[in-house]
Amino acid sequence: MIRKDKFHITLLLCAILLCLAANGSVIAGDDMQLHHDLAGNASQAEDNSGYETDYTDREQEDEPAAQESSQPDNTVPLYINGALHSDCLVVDGTARMSLGRFATLAGLSFDGHAIGGVVPELGENGDYAVVNGRYFYLPDGLYEMGGELLWPLTVLAKMFDCTATWDAASGSIDLDLTDVALLSDGETYYNQQDVYWLSRIIYAESGNQPLAGQIAVGNVVLNRVSDERFPDSVYGVIFDQSYGVQFSPVETGGIYAEPDGEAVVAAKLALEGYNTAGESLYFVNPSIGAGSWFAANLTYVTSIGDHDFYA
């Protein structure tokens, strides 16, 4: 039997919790989601009622349009080089900042377009950006708020060789601006042999898949390069025949087809470290491949487009 005074206390607690929820209080799930974003992973907040849908689902325009947001999810404390500085906006679970504000914090020039002397260029669908020949993945695109475009803070930090770290204990972000410098250019950074072969296997295996799916195929190849059970180069992994042909385009000749621009973008994004397939070492299109064998013998990781990925 429930005592009457405990019953009243229970009702009071429920009312308080409902009020907090209505006022948009941050929950533990939001903290975890922000942590994932600051680690470089794409995430989406559970409640998107305050925002427009991703512009990849909207009518295409001449230029990619930013999503509009009337208000942020919340703000979190922002530390600069370990010292509390101000707050940072969190939109759809991702810490975001305008180019102008980041330039001010980092001591970079900004004229409304160029930051630190370079102009970030958005891809056709707005799902990646190019700066100094380097590629940056924007799976959720940019957001517009108050006339300003908001970029993922991790992307801005990476552009200028900085780090943005989520501190779960304090629920804050630490932006390390100790050594701010534009990343090396793409010609210097990318191994052209790796881009050549990685873009070709991506195109041959997943040229009709979304960008995330193409990056995932590149991830499988690079995961194998890092795994001692496989050859230690992109070329070696693609043409590995230790246990028979590993990729069917090698056998059919599709590997030699000229890749389109998106496959090259996917290859460079994978080489930048963007990962949509986790630790996957295998993938299969279950509608045309031996999907049941994969499911029975390997660990399922994810599905993107027509492919299932396994570790």
C-alpha atoms as a PDB file:
ATOM      1  CA  MET A   1       0.000   0.000   0.000  1.00  0.00           C
ATOM      2  CA  ILE A   2       1.370   3.463  -0.957  1.00  0.00           C
ATOM      3  CA  ARG A   3       1.409   6.007   1.858  1.00  0.00           C
ATOM      4  CA  LYS A   4      -0.462   9.222   1.097  1.00  0.00           C
ATOM      5  CA  ASP A   5       2.531  11.548   1.751  1.00  0.00           C
ATOM      6  CA  LYS A   6       4.770   9.506  -0.585  1.00  0.00           C
ATOM      7  CA  PHE A   7       2.061   9.617  -3.218  1.00  0.00           C
ATOM      8  CA  HIS A   8       1.945  13.430  -3.066  1.00  0.00           C
ATOM      9  CA  ILE A   9       5.729  13.653  -3.279  1.00  0.00           C
ATOM     10  CA  THR A  10       5.686  11.374  -6.328  1.00  0.00           C
ATOM     11  CA  LEU A  11       3.116  13.594  -8.057  1.00  0.00           C
ATOM     12  CA  LEU A  12       5.213  16.681  -7.291  1.00  0.00           C
ATOM     13  CA  LEU A  13       8.366  15.095  -8.722  1.00  0.00           C
ATOM     14  CA  CYS A  14       6.524  14.082 -11.904  1.00  0.00           C
ATOM     15  CA  ALA A  15       5.252  17.631 -12.348  1.00  0.00           C
ATOM     16  CA  ILE A  16       8.779  19.033 -11.955  1.00  0.00           C
ATOM     17  CA  LEU A  17      10.173  16.594 -14.506  1.00  0.00           C
ATOM     18  CA  LEU A  18       7.436  17.471 -16.994  1.00  0.00           C
ATOM     19  CA  CYS A  19       8.216  21.175 -16.620  1.00  0.00           C
ATOM     20  CA  LEU A  20      11.906  20.583 -17.208  1.00  0.00           C
ATOM     21  CA  ALA A  21      11.178  18.573 -20.338  1.00  0.00           C
ATOM     22  CA  ALA A  22       8.877  21.294 -21.662  1.00  0.00           C
ATOM     23  CA  ASN A  23      11.599  23.887 -21.182  1.00  0.00           C
ATOM     24  CA  GLY A  24      14.103  21.930 -23.257  1.00  0.00           C
ATOM     25  CA  SER A  25      16.440  20.800 -20.477  1.00  0.00           C
ATOM     26  CA  VAL A  26      19.500  18.860 -21.605  1.00  0.00           C
ATOM     27  CA  ILE A  27      19.348  15.119 -21.003  1.00  0.00           C
ATOM     28  CA  ALA A  28      22.120  12.571 -20.830  1.00  0.00           C
ATOM     29  CA  GLY A  29      21.385  11.400 -24.357  1.00  0.00           C
ATOM     30  CA  ASP A  30      22.166  14.881 -25.690  1.00  0.00           C
ATOM     31  CA  ASP A  31      25.547  14.811 -23.928  1.00  0.00           C
ATOM     32  CA  MET A  32      26.402  11.475 -25.505  1.00  0.00           C
ATOM     33  CA  GLN A  33      25.287  12.697 -28.919  1.00  0.00           C
ATOM     34  CA  LEU A  34      27.437  15.817 -28.658  1.00  0.00           C
ATOM     35  CA  HIS A  35      30.356  13.674 -27.536  1.00  0.00           C
ATOM     36  CA  HIS A  36      29.973  11.551 -30.682  1.00  0.00           C
ATOM     37  CA  ASP A  37      29.928  14.661 -32.861  1.00  0.00           C
ATOM     38  CA  LEU A  38      33.075  16.076 -31.301  1.00  0.00           C
ATOM     39  CA  ALA A  39      34.762  12.737 -31.968  1.00  0.00           C
ATOM     40  CA  GLY A  40      34.044  13.231 -35.678  1.00  0.00           C
ATOM     41  CA  ASN A  41      30.892  11.160 -36.058  1.00  0.00           C
ATOM     42  CA  ALA A  42      27.694  12.365 -37.633  1.00  0.00           C
ATOM     43  CA  SER A  43      24.582  12.378 -35.448  1.00  0.00           C
ATOM     44  CA  GLN A  44      21.044  13.659 -35.505  1.00  0.00           C
ATOM     45  CA  ALA A  45      19.074  14.862 -32.505  1.00  0.00           C
ATOM     46  CA  GLU A  46      15.974  12.842 -31.719  1.00  0.00           C
ATOM     47  CA  ASP A  47      13.647  15.834 -31.870  1.00  0.00           C
ATOM     48  CA  ASN A  48      13.964  17.794 -35.094  1.00  0.00           C
ATOM     49  CA  SER A  49      10.621  19.568 -34.764  1.00  0.00           C
ATOM     50  CA  GLY A  50      12.319  22.959 -34.562  1.00  0.00           C
ATOM     51  CA  TYR A  51      14.288  22.559 -37.768  1.00  0.00           C
ATOM     52  CA  GLU A  52      13.730  22.008 -41.441  1.00  0.00           C
ATOM     53  CA  THR A  53      14.645  18.650 -42.876  1.00  0.00           C
ATOM     54  CA  ASP A  54      18.122  18.077 -44.287  1.00  0.00           C
ATOM     55  CA  TYR A  55      18.469  19.980 -47.531  1.00  0.00           C
ATOM     56  CA  THR A  56      19.512  16.817 -49.355  1.00  0.00           C
ATOM     57  CA  ASP A  57      15.802  15.956 -49.119  1.00  0.00           C
ATOM     58  CA  ARG A  58      14.661  19.369 -50.265  1.00  0.00           C
ATOM     59  CA  GLU A  59      14.234  20.616 -53.788  1.00  0.00           C
ATOM     60  CA  GLN A  60      17.661  21.130 -55.344  1.00  0.00           C
ATOM     61  CA  GLU A  61      18.684  24.718 -56.042  1.00  0.00           C
ATOM     62  CA  ASP A  62      21.527  26.211 -58.028  1.00  0.00           C
ATOM     63  CA  GLU A  63      23.593  26.361 -54.848  1.00  0.00           C
ATOM     64  CA  PRO A  64      23.264  24.226 -51.736  1.00  0.00           C
ATOM     65  CA  ALA A  65      21.103  25.993 -49.175  1.00  0.00           C
ATOM     66  CA  ALA A  66      21.708  25.847 -45.442  1.00  0.00           C
ATOM     67  CA  GLN A  67      19.091  24.475 -43.103  1.00  0.00           C
ATOM     68  CA  GLU A  68      17.285  27.064 -41.041  1.00  0.00           C
ATOM     69  CA  SER A  69      17.042  26.855 -37.280  1.00  0.00           C
ATOM     70  CA  SER A  70      14.971  29.216 -35.177  1.00  0.00           C
ATOM     71  CA  GLN A  71      16.891  28.424 -32.007  1.00  0.00           C
ATOM     72  CA  PRO A  72      19.697  26.127 -30.817  1.00  0.00           C
ATOM     73  CA  ASP A  73      19.112  22.959 -28.805  1.00  0.00           C
ATOM     74  CA  ASN A  74      21.096  24.567 -26.010  1.00  0.00           C
ATOM     75  CA  THR A  75      24.443  26.171 -25.261  1.00  0.00           C
ATOM     76  CA  VAL A  76      27.372  24.596 -23.445  1.00  0.00           C
ATOM     77  CA  PRO A  77      30.389  26.209 -21.742  1.00  0.00           C
ATOM     78  CA  LEU A  78      33.266  26.849 -24.132  1.00  0.00           C
ATOM     79  CA  TYR A  79      36.833  26.731 -22.847  1.00  0.00           C
ATOM     80  CA  ILE A  80      39.690  28.184 -24.896  1.00  0.00           C
ATOM     81  CA  ASN A  81      43.036  26.541 -24.162  1.00  0.00           C
ATOM     82  CA  GLY A  82      41.660  25.296 -20.850  1.00  0.00           C
ATOM     83  CA  ALA A  83      40.201  28.624 -19.648  1.00  0.00           C
ATOM     84  CA  LEU A  84      36.466  29.307 -19.547  1.00  0.00           C
ATOM     85  CA  HIS A  85      35.679  31.796 -22.313  1.00  0.00           C
ATOM     86  CA  SER A  86      31.982  31.850 -23.265  1.00  0.00           C
ATOM     87  CA  ASP A  87      29.287  29.510 -24.614  1.00  0.00           C
ATOM     88  CA  CYS A  88      28.970  27.415 -27.764  1.00  0.00           C
ATOM     89  CA  LEU A  89      25.742  26.675 -29.620  1.00  0.00           C
ATOM     90  CA  VAL A  90      24.575  23.087 -29.997  1.00  0.00           C
ATOM     91  CA  VAL A  91      22.225  22.481 -32.938  1.00  0.00           C
ATOM     92  CA  ASP A  92      20.774  19.026 -33.558  1.00  0.00           C
ATOM     93  CA  GLY A  93      23.311  17.527 -31.180  1.00  0.00           C
ATOM     94  CA  THR A  94      26.336  19.115 -32.879  1.00  0.00           C
ATOM     95  CA  ALA A  95      28.460  21.993 -31.568  1.00  0.00           C
ATOM     96  CA  ARG A  96      28.369  24.708 -34.239  1.00  0.00           C
ATOM     97  CA  MET A  97      29.918  28.104 -34.839  1.00  0.00           C
ATOM     98  CA  SER A  98      30.031  30.744 -37.575  1.00  0.00           C
ATOM     99  CA  LEU A  99      33.201  31.378 -39.580  1.00  0.00           C
ATOM    100  CA  GLY A 100      33.322  34.916 -38.226  1.00  0.00           C
ATOM    101  CA  ARG A 101      33.227  33.901 -34.584  1.00  0.00           C
ATOM    102  CA  PHE A 102      35.786  31.139 -35.068  1.00  0.00           C
ATOM    103  CA  ALA A 103      38.079  33.613 -36.847  1.00  0.00           C
ATOM    104  CA  THR A 104      37.799  36.029 -33.929  1.00  0.00           C
ATOM    105  CA  LEU A 105      38.583  33.319 -31.374  1.00  0.00           C
ATOM    106  CA  ALA A 106      41.493  31.929 -33.399  1.00  0.00           C
ATOM    107  CA  GLY A 107      42.965  35.312 -34.366  1.00  0.00           C
ATOM    108  CA  LEU A 108      42.339  34.721 -38.085  1.00  0.00           C
ATOM    109  CA  SER A 109      41.353  37.247 -40.720  1.00  0.00           C
ATOM    110  CA  PHE A 110      37.776  37.135 -42.033  1.00  0.00           C
ATOM    111  CA  ASP A 111      36.218  39.338 -44.708  1.00  0.00           C
ATOM    112  CA  GLY A 112      32.800  37.719 -44.824  1.00  0.00           C
ATOM    113  CA  HIS A 113      33.945  35.010 -47.232  1.00  0.00           C
ATOM    114  CA  ALA A 114      37.603  34.113 -46.753  1.00  0.00           C
ATOM    115  CA  ILE A 115      38.845  32.935 -43.378  1.00  0.00           C
ATOM    116  CA  GLY A 116      42.564  32.901 -42.801  1.00  0.00           C
ATOM    117  CA  GLY A 117      43.043  33.773 -46.478  1.00  0.00           C
ATOM    118  CA  VAL A 118      41.027  30.836 -47.875  1.00  0.00           C
ATOM    119  CA  VAL A 119      37.407  30.537 -48.988  1.00  0.00           C
ATOM    120  CA  PRO A 120      35.632  27.302 -47.959  1.00  0.00           C
ATOM    121  CA  GLU A 121      33.820  25.832 -50.965  1.00  0.00           C
ATOM    122  CA  LEU A 122      30.734  23.667 -50.510  1.00  0.00           C
ATOM    123  CA  GLY A 123      30.127  20.583 -52.622  1.00  0.00           C
ATOM    124  CA  GLU A 124      27.174  20.421 -55.005  1.00  0.00           C
ATOM    125  CA  ASN A 125      24.824  18.952 -52.394  1.00  0.00           C
ATOM    126  CA  GLY A 126      26.376  20.738 -49.445  1.00  0.00           C
ATOM    127  CA  ASP A 127      27.499  17.488 -47.810  1.00  0.00           C
ATOM    128  CA  TYR A 128      31.206  18.273 -47.930  1.00  0.00           C
ATOM    129  CA  ALA A 129      33.477  21.301 -48.080  1.00  0.00           C
ATOM    130  CA  VAL A 130      36.857  21.914 -49.687  1.00  0.00           C
ATOM    131  CA  VAL A 131      39.478  24.155 -48.086  1.00  0.00           C
ATOM    132  CA  ASN A 132      43.013  24.443 -49.465  1.00  0.00           C
ATOM    133  CA  GLY A 133      42.406  21.300 -51.499  1.00  0.00           C
ATOM    134  CA  ARG A 134      41.428  19.306 -48.387  1.00  0.00           C
ATOM    135  CA  TYR A 135      38.015  17.659 -47.985  1.00  0.00           C
ATOM    136  CA  PHE A 136      35.711  17.908 -44.952  1.00  0.00           C
ATOM    137  CA  TYR A 137      32.564  15.828 -44.483  1.00  0.00           C
ATOM    138  CA  LEU A 138      29.301  17.645 -43.673  1.00  0.00           C
ATOM    139  CA  PRO A 139      26.683  14.868 -43.417  1.00  0.00           C
ATOM    140  CA  ASP A 140      24.133  17.247 -41.862  1.00  0.00           C
ATOM    141  CA  GLY A 141      25.162  20.250 -43.946  1.00  0.00           C
ATOM    142  CA  LEU A 142      25.251  23.781 -42.558  1.00  0.00           C
ATOM    143  CA  TYR A 143      22.635  25.626 -40.545  1.00  0.00           C
ATOM    144  CA  GLU A 144      21.591  29.242 -40.889  1.00  0.00           C
ATOM    145  CA  MET A 145      20.734  31.242 -37.807  1.00  0.00           C
ATOM    146  CA  GLY A 146      20.388  34.995 -37.599  1.00  0.00           C
ATOM    147  CA  GLY A 147      21.788  35.394 -41.107  1.00  0.00           C
ATOM    148  CA  GLU A 148      24.953  33.425 -40.306  1.00  0.00           C
ATOM    149  CA  LEU A 149      25.964  29.963 -41.467  1.00  0.00           C
ATOM    150  CA  LEU A 150      26.858  27.633 -38.612  1.00  0.00           C
ATOM    151  CA  TRP A 151      29.584  25.069 -39.235  1.00  0.00           C
ATOM    152  CA  PRO A 152      30.359  21.995 -37.119  1.00  0.00           C
ATOM    153  CA  LEU A 153      33.030  23.151 -34.669  1.00  0.00           C
ATOM    154  CA  THR A 154      35.090  20.006 -35.241  1.00  0.00           C
ATOM    155  CA  VAL A 155      35.294  20.828 -38.965  1.00  0.00           C
ATOM    156  CA  LEU A 156      36.410  24.406 -38.305  1.00  0.00           C
ATOM    157  CA  ALA A 157      38.992  23.185 -35.809  1.00  0.00           C
ATOM    158  CA  LYS A 158      40.346  20.594 -38.230  1.00  0.00           C
ATOM    159  CA  MET A 159      40.656  23.161 -41.030  1.00  0.00           C
ATOM    160  CA  PHE A 160      43.163  25.065 -38.922  1.00  0.00           C
ATOM    161  CA  ASP A 161      44.872  22.131 -37.231  1.00  0.00           C
ATOM    162  CA  CYS A 162      43.130  22.669 -33.883  1.00  0.00           C
ATOM    163  CA  THR A 163      41.135  20.322 -31.683  1.00  0.00           C
ATOM    164  CA  ALA A 164      37.689  20.608 -30.114  1.00  0.00           C
ATOM    165  CA  THR A 165      37.186  18.153 -27.262  1.00  0.00           C
ATOM    166  CA  TRP A 166      34.009  17.292 -25.386  1.00  0.00           C
ATOM    167  CA  ASP A 167      34.427  16.960 -21.622  1.00  0.00           C
ATOM    168  CA  ALA A 168      31.604  14.716 -20.440  1.00  0.00           C
ATOM    169  CA  ALA A 169      32.375  15.325 -16.769  1.00  0.00           C
ATOM    170  CA  SER A 170      31.802  19.088 -16.976  1.00  0.00           C
ATOM    171  CA  GLY A 171      29.460  19.097 -19.976  1.00  0.00           C
ATOM    172  CA  SER A 172      31.706  21.556 -21.786  1.00  0.00           C
ATOM    173  CA  ILE A 173      33.888  21.928 -24.867  1.00  0.00           C
ATOM    174  CA  ASP A 174      37.586  22.743 -24.828  1.00  0.00           C
ATOM    175  CA  LEU A 175      38.888  24.376 -28.008  1.00  0.00           C
ATOM    176  CA  ASP A 176      42.672  24.164 -28.224  1.00  0.00           C
ATOM    177  CA  LEU A 177      43.912  27.154 -30.218  1.00  0.00           C
ATOM    178  CA  THR A 178      47.534  26.899 -29.118  1.00  0.00           C
ATOM    179  CA  ASP A 179      48.919  26.437 -32.630  1.00  0.00           C
ATOM    180  CA  VAL A 180      46.528  27.727 -35.290  1.00  0.00           C
ATOM    181  CA  ALA A 181      47.642  27.024 -38.840  1.00  0.00           C
ATOM    182  CA  LEU A 182      45.906  26.155 -42.093  1.00  0.00           C
ATOM    183  CA  LEU A 183      46.180  22.449 -42.832  1.00  0.00           C
ATOM    184  CA  SER A 184      48.639  21.379 -45.500  1.00  0.00           C
ATOM    185  CA  ASP A 185      47.237  21.530 -49.031  1.00  0.00           C
ATOM    186  CA  GLY A 186      45.606  18.558 -50.702  1.00  0.00           C
ATOM    187  CA  GLU A 187      48.407  18.041 -53.213  1.00  0.00           C
ATOM    188  CA  THR A 188      50.816  17.551 -50.345  1.00  0.00           C
ATOM    189  CA  TYR A 189      48.530  15.565 -48.061  1.00  0.00           C
ATOM    190  CA  TYR A 190      46.932  12.960 -50.336  1.00  0.00           C
ATOM    191  CA  ASN A 191      48.929  10.051 -51.679  1.00  0.00           C
ATOM    192  CA  GLN A 192      47.923  10.230 -55.336  1.00  0.00           C
ATOM    193  CA  GLN A 193      48.376   6.476 -55.835  1.00  0.00           C
ATOM    194  CA  ASP A 194      45.973   5.837 -52.968  1.00  0.00           C
ATOM    195  CA  VAL A 195      43.430   8.321 -54.358  1.00  0.00           C
ATOM    196  CA  TYR A 196      43.752   6.726 -57.806  1.00  0.00           C
ATOM    197  CA  TRP A 197      42.971   3.168 -56.715  1.00  0.00           C
ATOM    198  CA  LEU A 198      40.634   3.938 -53.819  1.00  0.00           C
ATOM    199  CA  SER A 199      38.396   6.115 -56.002  1.00  0.00           C
ATOM    200  CA  ARG A 200      38.275   3.362 -58.636  1.00  0.00           C
ATOM    201  CA  ILE A 201      37.203   0.607 -56.253  1.00  0.00           C
ATOM    202  CA  ILE A 202      34.659   2.973 -54.681  1.00  0.00           C
ATOM    203  CA  TYR A 203      33.238   3.821 -58.107  1.00  0.00           C
ATOM    204  CA  ALA A 204      33.187   0.207 -59.290  1.00  0.00           C
ATOM    205  CA  GLU A 205      31.569  -1.127 -56.115  1.00  0.00           C
ATOM    206  CA  SER A 206      29.293   1.746 -55.092  1.00  0.00           C
ATOM    207  CA  GLY A 207      29.148   4.414 -57.779  1.00  0.00           C
ATOM    208  CA  ASN A 208      25.332   4.366 -57.600  1.00  0.00           C
ATOM    209  CA  GLN A 209      25.211   4.673 -53.811  1.00  0.00           C
ATOM    210  CA  PRO A 210      24.884   7.787 -51.594  1.00  0.00           C
ATOM    211  CA  LEU A 211      28.066   9.562 -50.553  1.00  0.00           C
ATOM    212  CA  ALA A 212      27.946   7.946 -47.097  1.00  0.00           C
ATOM    213  CA  GLY A 213      27.839   4.517 -48.751  1.00  0.00           C
ATOM    214  CA  GLN A 214      30.764   5.337 -50.999  1.00  0.00           C
ATOM    215  CA  ILE A 215      32.823   6.552 -48.046  1.00  0.00           C
ATOM    216  CA  ALA A 216      31.950   3.283 -46.281  1.00  0.00           C
ATOM    217  CA  VAL A 217      33.434   1.205 -49.118  1.00  0.00           C
ATOM    218  CA  GLY A 218      36.593   3.295 -48.842  1.00  0.00           C
ATOM    219  CA  ASN A 219      36.567   2.662 -45.083  1.00  0.00           C
ATOM    220  CA  VAL A 220      36.511  -1.106 -45.649  1.00  0.00           C
ATOM    221  CA  VAL A 221      39.623  -0.885 -47.830  1.00  0.00           C
ATOM    222  CA  LEU A 222      41.464   1.368 -45.358  1.00  0.00           C
ATOM    223  CA  ASN A 223      40.397  -0.775 -42.393  1.00  0.00           C
ATOM    224  CA  ARG A 224      42.010  -3.728 -44.150  1.00  0.00           C
ATOM    225  CA  VAL A 225      45.184  -1.719 -44.760  1.00  0.00           C
ATOM    226  CA  SER A 226      45.388  -1.209 -40.985  1.00  0.00           C
ATOM    227  CA  ASP A 227      44.650  -4.873 -40.204  1.00  0.00           C
ATOM    228  CA  GLU A 228      47.664  -7.199 -40.077  1.00  0.00           C
ATOM    229  CA  ARG A 229      45.644  -9.978 -41.721  1.00  0.00           C
ATOM    230  CA  PHE A 230      45.566  -8.008 -44.977  1.00  0.00           C
ATOM    231  CA  PRO A 231      48.145  -6.252 -47.190  1.00  0.00           C
ATOM    232  CA  ASP A 232      49.374  -2.898 -45.886  1.00  0.00           C
ATOM    233  CA  SER A 233      48.586  -0.718 -48.912  1.00  0.00           C
ATOM    234  CA  VAL A 234      45.451   0.382 -50.755  1.00  0.00           C
ATOM    235  CA  TYR A 235      46.646  -1.251 -53.975  1.00  0.00           C
ATOM    236  CA  GLY A 236      47.639  -4.431 -52.128  1.00  0.00           C
ATOM    237  CA  VAL A 237      44.239  -4.762 -50.441  1.00  0.00           C
ATOM    238  CA  ILE A 238      42.276  -4.200 -53.654  1.00  0.00           C
ATOM    239  CA  PHE A 239      44.264  -6.730 -55.648  1.00  0.00           C
ATOM    240  CA  ASP A 240      44.784  -9.211 -52.797  1.00  0.00           C
ATOM    241  CA  GLN A 241      44.149 -12.801 -53.899  1.00  0.00           C
ATOM    242  CA  SER A 242      45.495 -14.656 -50.875  1.00  0.00           C
ATOM    243  CA  TYR A 243      42.060 -16.216 -50.386  1.00  0.00           C
ATOM    244  CA  GLY A 244      40.750 -15.647 -53.890  1.00  0.00           C
ATOM    245  CA  VAL A 245      39.675 -12.384 -55.518  1.00  0.00           C
ATOM    246  CA  GLN A 246      38.407 -10.054 -52.790  1.00  0.00           C
ATOM    247  CA  PHE A 247      36.612  -7.480 -54.931  1.00  0.00           C
ATOM    248  CA  SER A 248      34.632  -8.586 -57.972  1.00  0.00           C
ATOM    249  CA  PRO A 249      35.542  -5.502 -60.100  1.00  0.00           C
ATOM    250  CA  VAL A 250      39.142  -6.773 -60.055  1.00  0.00           C
ATOM    251  CA  GLU A 251      37.935  -9.946 -61.755  1.00  0.00           C
ATOM    252  CA  THR A 252      35.526  -8.251 -64.159  1.00  0.00           C
ATOM    253  CA  GLY A 253      37.814  -5.348 -65.059  1.00  0.00           C
ATOM    254  CA  GLY A 254      35.480  -2.741 -63.586  1.00  0.00           C
ATOM    255  CA  ILE A 255      38.335  -1.549 -61.372  1.00  0.00           C
ATOM    256  CA  TYR A 256      39.886   0.137 -64.405  1.00  0.00           C
ATOM    257  CA  ALA A 257      36.858   2.329 -65.182  1.00  0.00           C
ATOM    258  CA  GLU A 258      37.376   6.072 -64.787  1.00  0.00           C
ATOM    259  CA  PRO A 259      35.676   7.158 -61.539  1.00  0.00           C
ATOM    260  CA  ASP A 260      33.290  10.082 -61.412  1.00  0.00           C
ATOM    261  CA  GLY A 261      33.896  13.152 -59.283  1.00  0.00           C
ATOM    262  CA  GLU A 262      31.861  11.940 -56.316  1.00  0.00           C
ATOM    263  CA  ALA A 263      33.902   8.736 -56.034  1.00  0.00           C
ATOM    264  CA  VAL A 264      37.079  10.833 -55.899  1.00  0.00           C
ATOM    265  CA  VAL A 265      35.490  12.997 -53.197  1.00  0.00           C
ATOM    266  CA  ALA A 266      34.511   9.875 -51.226  1.00  0.00           C
ATOM    267  CA  ALA A 267      38.071   8.536 -51.507  1.00  0.00           C
ATOM    268  CA  LYS A 268      39.554  11.778 -50.179  1.00  0.00           C
ATOM    269  CA  LEU A 269      37.021  11.960 -47.345  1.00  0.00           C
ATOM    270  CA  ALA A 270      37.886   8.392 -46.341  1.00  0.00           C
ATOM    271  CA  LEU A 271      41.598   9.252 -46.476  1.00  0.00           C
ATOM    272  CA  GLU A 272      40.853  12.249 -44.224  1.00  0.00           C
ATOM    273  CA  GLY A 273      39.597   9.805 -41.604  1.00  0.00           C
ATOM    274  CA  TYR A 274      35.844  10.221 -41.991  1.00  0.00           C
ATOM    275  CA  ASN A 275      34.215   6.894 -41.232  1.00  0.00           C
ATOM    276  CA  THR A 276      30.651   5.745 -41.921  1.00  0.00           C
ATOM    277  CA  ALA A 277      31.309   2.003 -41.651  1.00  0.00           C
ATOM    278  CA  GLY A 278      32.979   1.655 -38.265  1.00  0.00           C
ATOM    279  CA  GLU A 279      35.436  -1.245 -38.131  1.00  0.00           C
ATOM    280  CA  SER A 280      33.906  -3.051 -41.111  1.00  0.00           C
ATOM    281  CA  LEU A 281      36.170  -5.293 -43.164  1.00  0.00           C
ATOM    282  CA  TYR A 282      33.512  -6.659 -45.521  1.00  0.00           C
ATOM    283  CA  PHE A 283      30.413  -5.489 -47.353  1.00  0.00           C
ATOM    284  CA  VAL A 284      27.803  -7.178 -49.509  1.00  0.00           C
ATOM    285  CA  ASN A 285      24.699  -6.309 -51.473  1.00  0.00           C
ATOM    286  CA  PRO A 286      22.364  -8.943 -49.982  1.00  0.00           C
ATOM    287  CA  SER A 287      20.059  -8.847 -52.991  1.00  0.00           C
ATOM    288  CA  ILE A 288      22.780 -10.140 -55.313  1.00  0.00           C
ATOM    289  CA  GLY A 289      25.462 -11.565 -52.997  1.00  0.00           C
ATOM    290  CA  ALA A 290      25.834 -14.215 -50.313  1.00  0.00           C
ATOM    291  CA  GLY A 291      24.227 -12.088 -47.628  1.00  0.00           C
ATOM    292  CA  SER A 292      23.161 -15.073 -45.519  1.00  0.00           C
ATOM    293  CA  TRP A 293      26.768 -16.308 -45.210  1.00  0.00           C
ATOM    294  CA  PHE A 294      27.932 -12.874 -44.066  1.00  0.00           C
ATOM    295  CA  ALA A 295      25.132 -12.647 -41.511  1.00  0.00           C
ATOM    296  CA  ALA A 296      25.883 -16.128 -40.146  1.00  0.00           C
ATOM    297  CA  ASN A 297      29.661 -15.806 -39.926  1.00  0.00           C
ATOM    298  CA  LEU A 298      30.482 -12.135 -39.373  1.00  0.00           C
ATOM    299  CA  THR A 299      29.475  -9.310 -37.050  1.00  0.00           C
ATOM    300  CA  TYR A 300      26.926  -6.970 -38.579  1.00  0.00           C
ATOM    301  CA  VAL A 301      27.890  -3.277 -38.335  1.00  0.00           C
ATOM    302  CA  THR A 302      25.496  -1.199 -40.429  1.00  0.00           C
ATOM    303  CA  SER A 303      23.569  -0.848 -43.688  1.00  0.00           C
ATOM    304  CA  ILE A 304      23.999   2.082 -46.059  1.00  0.00           C
ATOM    305  CA  GLY A 305      22.139   2.195 -49.340  1.00  0.00           C
ATOM    306  CA  ASP A 306      22.183  -1.256 -50.944  1.00  0.00           C
ATOM    307  CA  HIS A 307      25.099  -2.586 -48.898  1.00  0.00           C
ATOM    308  CA  ASP A 308      25.375  -4.351 -45.551  1.00  0.00           C
ATOM    309  CA  PHE A 309      28.683  -3.931 -43.732  1.00  0.00           C
ATOM    310  CA  TYR A 310      30.330  -6.517 -41.479  1.00  0.00           C
ATOM    311  CA  ALA A 311      33.401  -6.816 -39.273  1.00  0.00           C
END
